[in-house]
Amino acid sequence: MPLKQGKSQKVISANIHELMNAPGKTRAKAVKTLAEKSGITTKEAQRRQAVAIALSTAKTPLKKPKK
């Protein structure tokens, strides 16, 4: 499951989609731990982790929403 390289929105979205559909054993365990520690569902933890990995691969900082 190699992720695509690139900074475009299309590549980042493709990487997130790939990570959401194919969690490995190690990632599944990490998602479960993250969900328990954060008090969120495993699906939400998996989504957050996929976004973080995809943005890290693209080396694009996450833009925080304005309050």
N, C-alpha and C. Protein backbone atom coordinates (compact mmCIF):
# COMPACT_ATOMS: atom_id res chain seq x y z
N MET A 1 0.82 -1.17 0.00
CA MET A 1 0.00 0.00 0.00
C MET A 1 0.88 1.25 0.00
N PRO A 2 1.70 1.44 -1.01
CA PRO A 2 2.49 2.67 -1.06
C PRO A 2 1.59 3.86 -1.37
N LEU A 3 1.81 4.94 -0.66
CA LEU A 3 1.02 6.14 -0.87
C LEU A 3 1.61 6.95 -2.02
N LYS A 4 0.76 7.69 -2.69
CA LYS A 4 1.19 8.52 -3.81
C LYS A 4 1.94 9.74 -3.27
N GLN A 5 2.89 10.22 -4.03
CA GLN A 5 3.64 11.42 -3.67
C GLN A 5 3.00 12.62 -4.36
N GLY A 6 2.95 13.74 -3.69
CA GLY A 6 2.41 14.94 -4.29
C GLY A 6 1.69 15.79 -3.27
N LYS A 7 1.48 17.05 -3.64
CA LYS A 7 0.85 18.00 -2.72
C LYS A 7 -0.54 18.43 -3.15
N SER A 8 -1.02 17.92 -4.27
CA SER A 8 -2.32 18.36 -4.76
C SER A 8 -3.45 17.75 -3.92
N GLN A 9 -4.58 18.40 -3.94
CA GLN A 9 -5.75 17.93 -3.20
C GLN A 9 -6.18 16.55 -3.68
N LYS A 10 -6.04 16.30 -4.96
CA LYS A 10 -6.43 15.01 -5.54
C LYS A 10 -5.56 13.88 -4.99
N VAL A 11 -4.27 14.11 -4.87
CA VAL A 11 -3.35 13.09 -4.35
C VAL A 11 -3.60 12.86 -2.86
N ILE A 12 -3.79 13.94 -2.11
CA ILE A 12 -4.05 13.82 -0.67
C ILE A 12 -5.35 13.04 -0.43
N SER A 13 -6.39 13.35 -1.21
CA SER A 13 -7.67 12.65 -1.09
C SER A 13 -7.53 11.17 -1.43
N ALA A 14 -6.75 10.87 -2.45
CA ALA A 14 -6.53 9.48 -2.84
C ALA A 14 -5.80 8.72 -1.73
N ASN A 15 -4.83 9.37 -1.09
CA ASN A 15 -4.10 8.73 0.00
C ASN A 15 -5.00 8.50 1.20
N ILE A 16 -5.87 9.45 1.53
CA ILE A 16 -6.81 9.27 2.64
C ILE A 16 -7.74 8.11 2.33
N HIS A 17 -8.23 8.06 1.12
CA HIS A 17 -9.13 6.97 0.71
C HIS A 17 -8.42 5.62 0.84
N GLU A 18 -7.18 5.55 0.41
CA GLU A 18 -6.39 4.32 0.50
C GLU A 18 -6.20 3.90 1.96
N LEU A 19 -5.89 4.84 2.81
CA LEU A 19 -5.66 4.53 4.23
C LEU A 19 -6.95 4.13 4.95
N MET A 20 -8.07 4.69 4.55
CA MET A 20 -9.35 4.34 5.18
C MET A 20 -9.80 2.93 4.78
N ASN A 21 -9.47 2.51 3.57
CA ASN A 21 -9.94 1.22 3.07
C ASN A 21 -9.04 0.05 3.43
N ALA A 22 -7.79 0.31 3.77
CA ALA A 22 -6.86 -0.79 4.01
C ALA A 22 -6.03 -0.58 5.26
N PRO A 23 -6.65 -0.64 6.44
CA PRO A 23 -5.83 -0.51 7.65
C PRO A 23 -5.09 -1.82 7.92
N GLY A 24 -3.80 -1.73 8.18
CA GLY A 24 -3.02 -2.92 8.50
C GLY A 24 -3.24 -3.30 9.96
N LYS A 25 -2.65 -4.41 10.37
CA LYS A 25 -2.80 -4.88 11.75
C LYS A 25 -2.27 -3.86 12.74
N THR A 26 -1.10 -3.32 12.47
CA THR A 26 -0.48 -2.36 13.38
C THR A 26 -1.30 -1.09 13.47
N ARG A 27 -1.78 -0.59 12.31
CA ARG A 27 -2.59 0.63 12.32
C ARG A 27 -3.92 0.40 13.01
N ALA A 28 -4.50 -0.78 12.85
CA ALA A 28 -5.79 -1.09 13.49
C ALA A 28 -5.64 -1.04 15.01
N LYS A 29 -4.53 -1.57 15.51
CA LYS A 29 -4.27 -1.54 16.95
C LYS A 29 -4.06 -0.10 17.42
N ALA A 30 -3.32 0.69 16.65
CA ALA A 30 -3.08 2.08 17.01
C ALA A 30 -4.37 2.89 16.99
N VAL A 31 -5.25 2.62 16.03
CA VAL A 31 -6.53 3.32 15.94
C VAL A 31 -7.38 3.00 17.17
N LYS A 32 -7.39 1.74 17.57
CA LYS A 32 -8.17 1.34 18.74
C LYS A 32 -7.66 2.05 19.99
N THR A 33 -6.35 2.11 20.15
CA THR A 33 -5.75 2.79 21.30
C THR A 33 -6.07 4.28 21.28
N LEU A 34 -5.95 4.91 20.11
CA LEU A 34 -6.25 6.33 19.97
C LEU A 34 -7.71 6.61 20.32
N ALA A 35 -8.61 5.76 19.87
CA ALA A 35 -10.04 5.94 20.14
C ALA A 35 -10.32 5.84 21.63
N GLU A 36 -9.71 4.87 22.29
CA GLU A 36 -9.93 4.70 23.72
C GLU A 36 -9.39 5.88 24.52
N LYS A 37 -8.20 6.35 24.18
CA LYS A 37 -7.59 7.47 24.91
C LYS A 37 -8.31 8.78 24.66
N SER A 38 -8.83 8.98 23.45
CA SER A 38 -9.48 10.24 23.10
C SER A 38 -10.97 10.24 23.38
N GLY A 39 -11.54 9.06 23.62
CA GLY A 39 -12.97 8.97 23.87
C GLY A 39 -13.81 9.20 22.62
N ILE A 40 -13.31 8.74 21.48
CA ILE A 40 -14.04 8.88 20.22
C ILE A 40 -14.25 7.50 19.62
N THR A 41 -15.06 7.43 18.57
CA THR A 41 -15.31 6.14 17.93
C THR A 41 -14.07 5.71 17.15
N THR A 42 -13.98 4.43 16.88
CA THR A 42 -12.83 3.92 16.13
C THR A 42 -12.83 4.44 14.69
N LYS A 43 -14.01 4.64 14.13
CA LYS A 43 -14.10 5.18 12.76
C LYS A 43 -13.55 6.60 12.71
N GLU A 44 -13.88 7.42 13.71
CA GLU A 44 -13.38 8.80 13.77
C GLU A 44 -11.87 8.80 14.00
N ALA A 45 -11.38 7.91 14.85
CA ALA A 45 -9.94 7.81 15.10
C ALA A 45 -9.21 7.38 13.83
N GLN A 46 -9.79 6.45 13.09
CA GLN A 46 -9.19 6.00 11.84
C GLN A 46 -9.14 7.14 10.83
N ARG A 47 -10.21 7.94 10.77
CA ARG A 47 -10.25 9.08 9.84
C ARG A 47 -9.18 10.11 10.20
N ARG A 48 -9.08 10.43 11.50
CA ARG A 48 -8.09 11.41 11.94
C ARG A 48 -6.67 10.95 11.63
N GLN A 49 -6.41 9.68 11.88
CA GLN A 49 -5.08 9.15 11.62
C GLN A 49 -4.78 9.13 10.12
N ALA A 50 -5.76 8.79 9.30
CA ALA A 50 -5.56 8.77 7.85
C ALA A 50 -5.25 10.17 7.33
N VAL A 51 -5.95 11.16 7.83
CA VAL A 51 -5.70 12.55 7.40
C VAL A 51 -4.30 12.98 7.82
N ALA A 52 -3.90 12.65 9.04
CA ALA A 52 -2.58 13.03 9.53
C ALA A 52 -1.47 12.37 8.70
N ILE A 53 -1.63 11.11 8.37
CA ILE A 53 -0.63 10.40 7.58
C ILE A 53 -0.57 10.97 6.17
N ALA A 54 -1.72 11.23 5.57
CA ALA A 54 -1.76 11.76 4.20
C ALA A 54 -1.12 13.14 4.13
N LEU A 55 -1.40 13.99 5.10
CA LEU A 55 -0.81 15.33 5.11
C LEU A 55 0.68 15.27 5.40
N SER A 56 1.08 14.34 6.24
CA SER A 56 2.50 14.17 6.53
C SER A 56 3.26 13.71 5.29
N THR A 57 2.65 12.82 4.54
CA THR A 57 3.26 12.33 3.31
C THR A 57 3.40 13.47 2.30
N ALA A 58 2.41 14.34 2.25
CA ALA A 58 2.44 15.48 1.33
C ALA A 58 3.24 16.64 1.91
N LYS A 59 3.63 16.54 3.18
CA LYS A 59 4.35 17.60 3.88
C LYS A 59 3.58 18.92 3.83
N THR A 60 2.27 18.81 4.00
CA THR A 60 1.38 19.97 4.01
C THR A 60 0.85 20.15 5.41
N PRO A 61 1.01 21.31 6.04
CA PRO A 61 0.49 21.50 7.38
C PRO A 61 -1.03 21.53 7.40
N LEU A 62 -1.60 21.02 8.48
CA LEU A 62 -3.04 21.01 8.65
C LEU A 62 -3.51 22.42 8.99
N LYS A 63 -4.50 22.92 8.26
CA LYS A 63 -5.02 24.25 8.53
C LYS A 63 -6.10 24.12 9.60
N LYS A 64 -5.92 24.82 10.69
CA LYS A 64 -6.88 24.76 11.79
C LYS A 64 -8.04 25.70 11.49
N PRO A 65 -9.26 25.26 11.79
CA PRO A 65 -10.42 26.13 11.54
C PRO A 65 -10.41 27.35 12.46
N LYS A 66 -10.85 28.47 11.92
CA LYS A 66 -10.93 29.69 12.72
C LYS A 66 -12.16 29.63 13.60
N LYS A 67 -12.03 30.16 14.80
CA LYS A 67 -13.15 30.17 15.75
C LYS A 67 -13.93 31.44 15.65
